[in-house]
Amino acid sequence: MIIDVTGIVLTPGNGGKDCLGDGEHTDEKGNRIECCCDECDYLQYCLEH
């Protein structure tokens, strides 16, 4: 499991669509989770797969 410094679980691949850090998901309180892609070590994997 890959966890961002903010505590968000990252799921690289599939163009980032399944990743909670893609900026398109909300947390359990309904707040939008900020995009983590710019600082993610796995961004290249999302772009290639």
PDB file of N, CA and C in Angstrom:
ATOM      1  N   MET A   1       0.841  -1.165   0.000  1.00  0.00           N
ATOM      2  CA  MET A   1       0.000   0.000   0.000  1.00  0.00           C
ATOM      3  C   MET A   1       0.898   1.244   0.000  1.00  0.00           C
ATOM      4  N   ILE A   2       0.541   2.219  -0.826  1.00  0.00           N
ATOM      5  CA  ILE A   2       1.303   3.456  -0.929  1.00  0.00           C
ATOM      6  C   ILE A   2       0.493   4.561  -0.265  1.00  0.00           C
ATOM      7  N   ILE A   3       1.077   5.202   0.733  1.00  0.00           N
ATOM      8  CA  ILE A   3       0.380   6.268   1.451  1.00  0.00           C
ATOM      9  C   ILE A   3       1.142   7.570   1.276  1.00  0.00           C
ATOM     10  N   ASP A   4       0.418   8.603   0.832  1.00  0.00           N
ATOM     11  CA  ASP A   4       0.970   9.939   0.634  1.00  0.00           C
ATOM     12  C   ASP A   4       1.315  10.559   1.993  1.00  0.00           C
ATOM     13  N   VAL A   5       2.125  11.604   2.005  1.00  0.00           N
ATOM     14  CA  VAL A   5       2.486  12.273   3.253  1.00  0.00           C
ATOM     15  C   VAL A   5       1.264  12.854   3.958  1.00  0.00           C
ATOM     16  N   THR A   6       0.182  13.075   3.220  1.00  0.00           N
ATOM     17  CA  THR A   6      -1.052  13.589   3.824  1.00  0.00           C
ATOM     18  C   THR A   6      -1.925  12.476   4.383  1.00  0.00           C
ATOM     19  N   GLY A   7      -1.508  11.208   4.162  1.00  0.00           N
ATOM     20  CA  GLY A   7      -2.259  10.069   4.662  1.00  0.00           C
ATOM     21  C   GLY A   7      -3.211   9.473   3.645  1.00  0.00           C
ATOM     22  N   ILE A   8      -3.230  10.004   2.423  1.00  0.00           N
ATOM     23  CA  ILE A   8      -4.101   9.500   1.370  1.00  0.00           C
ATOM     24  C   ILE A   8      -3.482   8.247   0.750  1.00  0.00           C
ATOM     25  N   VAL A   9      -4.299   7.202   0.581  1.00  0.00           N
ATOM     26  CA  VAL A   9      -3.839   5.975  -0.057  1.00  0.00           C
ATOM     27  C   VAL A   9      -3.794   6.211  -1.562  1.00  0.00           C
ATOM     28  N   LEU A  10      -2.641   5.972  -2.160  1.00  0.00           N
ATOM     29  CA  LEU A  10      -2.447   6.178  -3.588  1.00  0.00           C
ATOM     30  C   LEU A  10      -2.513   4.851  -4.325  1.00  0.00           C
ATOM     31  N   THR A  11      -3.173   4.854  -5.480  1.00  0.00           N
ATOM     32  CA  THR A  11      -3.291   3.670  -6.320  1.00  0.00           C
ATOM     33  C   THR A  11      -2.841   4.055  -7.727  1.00  0.00           C
ATOM     34  N   PRO A  12      -1.545   3.969  -8.007  1.00  0.00           N
ATOM     35  CA  PRO A  12      -1.048   4.373  -9.320  1.00  0.00           C
ATOM     36  C   PRO A  12      -1.511   3.445 -10.436  1.00  0.00           C
ATOM     37  N   GLY A  13      -1.546   3.988 -11.639  1.00  0.00           N
ATOM     38  CA  GLY A  13      -1.962   3.239 -12.817  1.00  0.00           C
ATOM     39  C   GLY A  13      -3.348   3.668 -13.275  1.00  0.00           C
ATOM     40  N   ASN A  14      -3.816   3.099 -14.361  1.00  0.00           N
ATOM     41  CA  ASN A  14      -5.137   3.369 -14.912  1.00  0.00           C
ATOM     42  C   ASN A  14      -5.362   4.867 -15.142  1.00  0.00           C
ATOM     43  N   GLY A  15      -4.316   5.567 -15.517  1.00  0.00           N
ATOM     44  CA  GLY A  15      -4.426   7.004 -15.754  1.00  0.00           C
ATOM     45  C   GLY A  15      -4.737   7.788 -14.493  1.00  0.00           C
ATOM     46  N   GLY A  16      -4.559   7.166 -13.336  1.00  0.00           N
ATOM     47  CA  GLY A  16      -4.847   7.821 -12.066  1.00  0.00           C
ATOM     48  C   GLY A  16      -6.307   7.788 -11.663  1.00  0.00           C
ATOM     49  N   LYS A  17      -7.164   7.182 -12.457  1.00  0.00           N
ATOM     50  CA  LYS A  17      -8.611   7.187 -12.206  1.00  0.00           C
ATOM     51  C   LYS A  17      -9.012   6.491 -10.915  1.00  0.00           C
ATOM     52  N   ASP A  18      -8.233   5.518 -10.471  1.00  0.00           N
ATOM     53  CA  ASP A  18      -8.572   4.774  -9.254  1.00  0.00           C
ATOM     54  C   ASP A  18      -7.887   5.332  -8.016  1.00  0.00           C
ATOM     55  N   CYS A  19      -7.071   6.350  -8.191  1.00  0.00           N
ATOM     56  CA  CYS A  19      -6.272   6.890  -7.089  1.00  0.00           C
ATOM     57  C   CYS A  19      -7.045   7.958  -6.326  1.00  0.00           C
ATOM     58  N   LEU A  20      -7.070   7.842  -5.012  1.00  0.00           N
ATOM     59  CA  LEU A  20      -7.746   8.845  -4.186  1.00  0.00           C
ATOM     60  C   LEU A  20      -7.061  10.198  -4.241  1.00  0.00           C
ATOM     61  N   GLY A  21      -5.813  10.225  -4.687  1.00  0.00           N
ATOM     62  CA  GLY A  21      -5.060  11.473  -4.762  1.00  0.00           C
ATOM     63  C   GLY A  21      -5.141  12.169  -6.108  1.00  0.00           C
ATOM     64  N   ASP A  22      -6.126  11.797  -6.938  1.00  0.00           N
ATOM     65  CA  ASP A  22      -6.220  12.398  -8.276  1.00  0.00           C
ATOM     66  C   ASP A  22      -6.975  13.721  -8.309  1.00  0.00           C
ATOM     67  N   GLY A  23      -7.497  14.158  -7.176  1.00  0.00           N
ATOM     68  CA  GLY A  23      -8.227  15.418  -7.113  1.00  0.00           C
ATOM     69  C   GLY A  23      -9.702  15.297  -7.445  1.00  0.00           C
ATOM     70  N   GLU A  24     -10.179  14.103  -7.707  1.00  0.00           N
ATOM     71  CA  GLU A  24     -11.567  13.872  -8.089  1.00  0.00           C
ATOM     72  C   GLU A  24     -12.378  13.140  -7.017  1.00  0.00           C
ATOM     73  N   HIS A  25     -11.768  12.822  -5.896  1.00  0.00           N
ATOM     74  CA  HIS A  25     -12.440  12.057  -4.844  1.00  0.00           C
ATOM     75  C   HIS A  25     -12.695  12.931  -3.616  1.00  0.00           C
ATOM     76  N   THR A  26     -13.586  12.459  -2.752  1.00  0.00           N
ATOM     77  CA  THR A  26     -13.877  13.150  -1.501  1.00  0.00           C
ATOM     78  C   THR A  26     -13.571  12.228  -0.327  1.00  0.00           C
ATOM     79  N   ASP A  27     -13.326  12.839   0.837  1.00  0.00           N
ATOM     80  CA  ASP A  27     -13.068  12.048   2.032  1.00  0.00           C
ATOM     81  C   ASP A  27     -14.395  11.653   2.684  1.00  0.00           C
ATOM     82  N   GLU A  28     -14.320  11.004   3.838  1.00  0.00           N
ATOM     83  CA  GLU A  28     -15.523  10.510   4.516  1.00  0.00           C
ATOM     84  C   GLU A  28     -16.451  11.635   4.988  1.00  0.00           C
ATOM     85  N   LYS A  29     -15.950  12.863   5.061  1.00  0.00           N
ATOM     86  CA  LYS A  29     -16.768  14.007   5.469  1.00  0.00           C
ATOM     87  C   LYS A  29     -17.311  14.786   4.271  1.00  0.00           C
ATOM     88  N   GLY A  30     -17.002  14.302   3.062  1.00  0.00           N
ATOM     89  CA  GLY A  30     -17.479  14.955   1.855  1.00  0.00           C
ATOM     90  C   GLY A  30     -16.585  16.068   1.344  1.00  0.00           C
ATOM     91  N   ASN A  31     -15.423  16.243   1.966  1.00  0.00           N
ATOM     92  CA  ASN A  31     -14.472  17.262   1.517  1.00  0.00           C
ATOM     93  C   ASN A  31     -13.639  16.727   0.364  1.00  0.00           C
ATOM     94  N   ARG A  32     -13.415  17.567  -0.630  1.00  0.00           N
ATOM     95  CA  ARG A  32     -12.616  17.168  -1.787  1.00  0.00           C
ATOM     96  C   ARG A  32     -11.166  16.927  -1.355  1.00  0.00           C
ATOM     97  N   ILE A  33     -10.609  15.786  -1.767  1.00  0.00           N
ATOM     98  CA  ILE A  33      -9.211  15.464  -1.496  1.00  0.00           C
ATOM     99  C   ILE A  33      -8.373  16.159  -2.568  1.00  0.00           C
ATOM    100  N   GLU A  34      -7.400  16.936  -2.131  1.00  0.00           N
ATOM    101  CA  GLU A  34      -6.557  17.658  -3.077  1.00  0.00           C
ATOM    102  C   GLU A  34      -5.762  16.700  -3.957  1.00  0.00           C
ATOM    103  N   CYS A  35      -5.435  17.161  -5.142  1.00  0.00           N
ATOM    104  CA  CYS A  35      -4.639  16.383  -6.076  1.00  0.00           C
ATOM    105  C   CYS A  35      -3.210  16.258  -5.549  1.00  0.00           C
ATOM    106  N   CYS A  36      -2.701  15.050  -5.509  1.00  0.00           N
ATOM    107  CA  CYS A  36      -1.351  14.766  -5.022  1.00  0.00           C
ATOM    108  C   CYS A  36      -0.383  14.472  -6.172  1.00  0.00           C
ATOM    109  N   CYS A  37      -0.856  14.524  -7.403  1.00  0.00           N
ATOM    110  CA  CYS A  37      -0.080  14.059  -8.559  1.00  0.00           C
ATOM    111  C   CYS A  37       1.239  14.800  -8.768  1.00  0.00           C
ATOM    112  N   ASP A  38       1.252  16.108  -8.539  1.00  0.00           N
ATOM    113  CA  ASP A  38       2.468  16.886  -8.779  1.00  0.00           C
ATOM    114  C   ASP A  38       3.645  16.438  -7.927  1.00  0.00           C
ATOM    115  N   GLU A  39       3.358  15.908  -6.754  1.00  0.00           N
ATOM    116  CA  GLU A  39       4.417  15.509  -5.835  1.00  0.00           C
ATOM    117  C   GLU A  39       4.543  13.996  -5.697  1.00  0.00           C
ATOM    118  N   CYS A  40       3.792  13.261  -6.498  1.00  0.00           N
ATOM    119  CA  CYS A  40       3.758  11.810  -6.376  1.00  0.00           C
ATOM    120  C   CYS A  40       4.936  11.161  -7.098  1.00  0.00           C
ATOM    121  N   ASP A  41       5.594  10.234  -6.413  1.00  0.00           N
ATOM    122  CA  ASP A  41       6.713   9.495  -6.995  1.00  0.00           C
ATOM    123  C   ASP A  41       6.249   8.507  -8.060  1.00  0.00           C
ATOM    124  N   TYR A  42       4.943   8.249  -8.149  1.00  0.00           N
ATOM    125  CA  TYR A  42       4.400   7.250  -9.065  1.00  0.00           C
ATOM    126  C   TYR A  42       3.647   7.869 -10.236  1.00  0.00           C
ATOM    127  N   LEU A  43       3.740   9.172 -10.446  1.00  0.00           N
ATOM    128  CA  LEU A  43       3.030   9.856 -11.517  1.00  0.00           C
ATOM    129  C   LEU A  43       3.341   9.250 -12.878  1.00  0.00           C
ATOM    130  N   GLN A  44       4.586   8.940 -13.142  1.00  0.00           N
ATOM    131  CA  GLN A  44       4.969   8.367 -14.433  1.00  0.00           C
ATOM    132  C   GLN A  44       4.228   7.062 -14.688  1.00  0.00           C
ATOM    133  N   TYR A  45       4.023   6.264 -13.651  1.00  0.00           N
ATOM    134  CA  TYR A  45       3.309   5.001 -13.791  1.00  0.00           C
ATOM    135  C   TYR A  45       1.866   5.260 -14.219  1.00  0.00           C
ATOM    136  N   CYS A  46       1.244   6.296 -13.688  1.00  0.00           N
ATOM    137  CA  CYS A  46      -0.139   6.627 -14.066  1.00  0.00           C
ATOM    138  C   CYS A  46      -0.215   7.074 -15.523  1.00  0.00           C
ATOM    139  N   LEU A  47       0.791   7.791 -15.964  1.00  0.00           N
ATOM    140  CA  LEU A  47       0.776   8.291 -17.333  1.00  0.00           C
ATOM    141  C   LEU A  47       1.039   7.197 -18.358  1.00  0.00           C
ATOM    142  N   GLU A  48       1.779   6.171 -17.960  1.00  0.00           N
ATOM    143  CA  GLU A  48       2.131   5.087 -18.880  1.00  0.00           C
ATOM    144  C   GLU A  48       1.115   3.961 -18.907  1.00  0.00           C
ATOM    145  N   HIS A  49       0.333   3.780 -17.864  1.00  0.00           N
ATOM    146  CA  HIS A  49      -0.576   2.634 -17.764  1.00  0.00           C
ATOM    147  C   HIS A  49      -2.012   3.090 -17.695  1.00  0.00           C
TER     148      HIS A  49
END
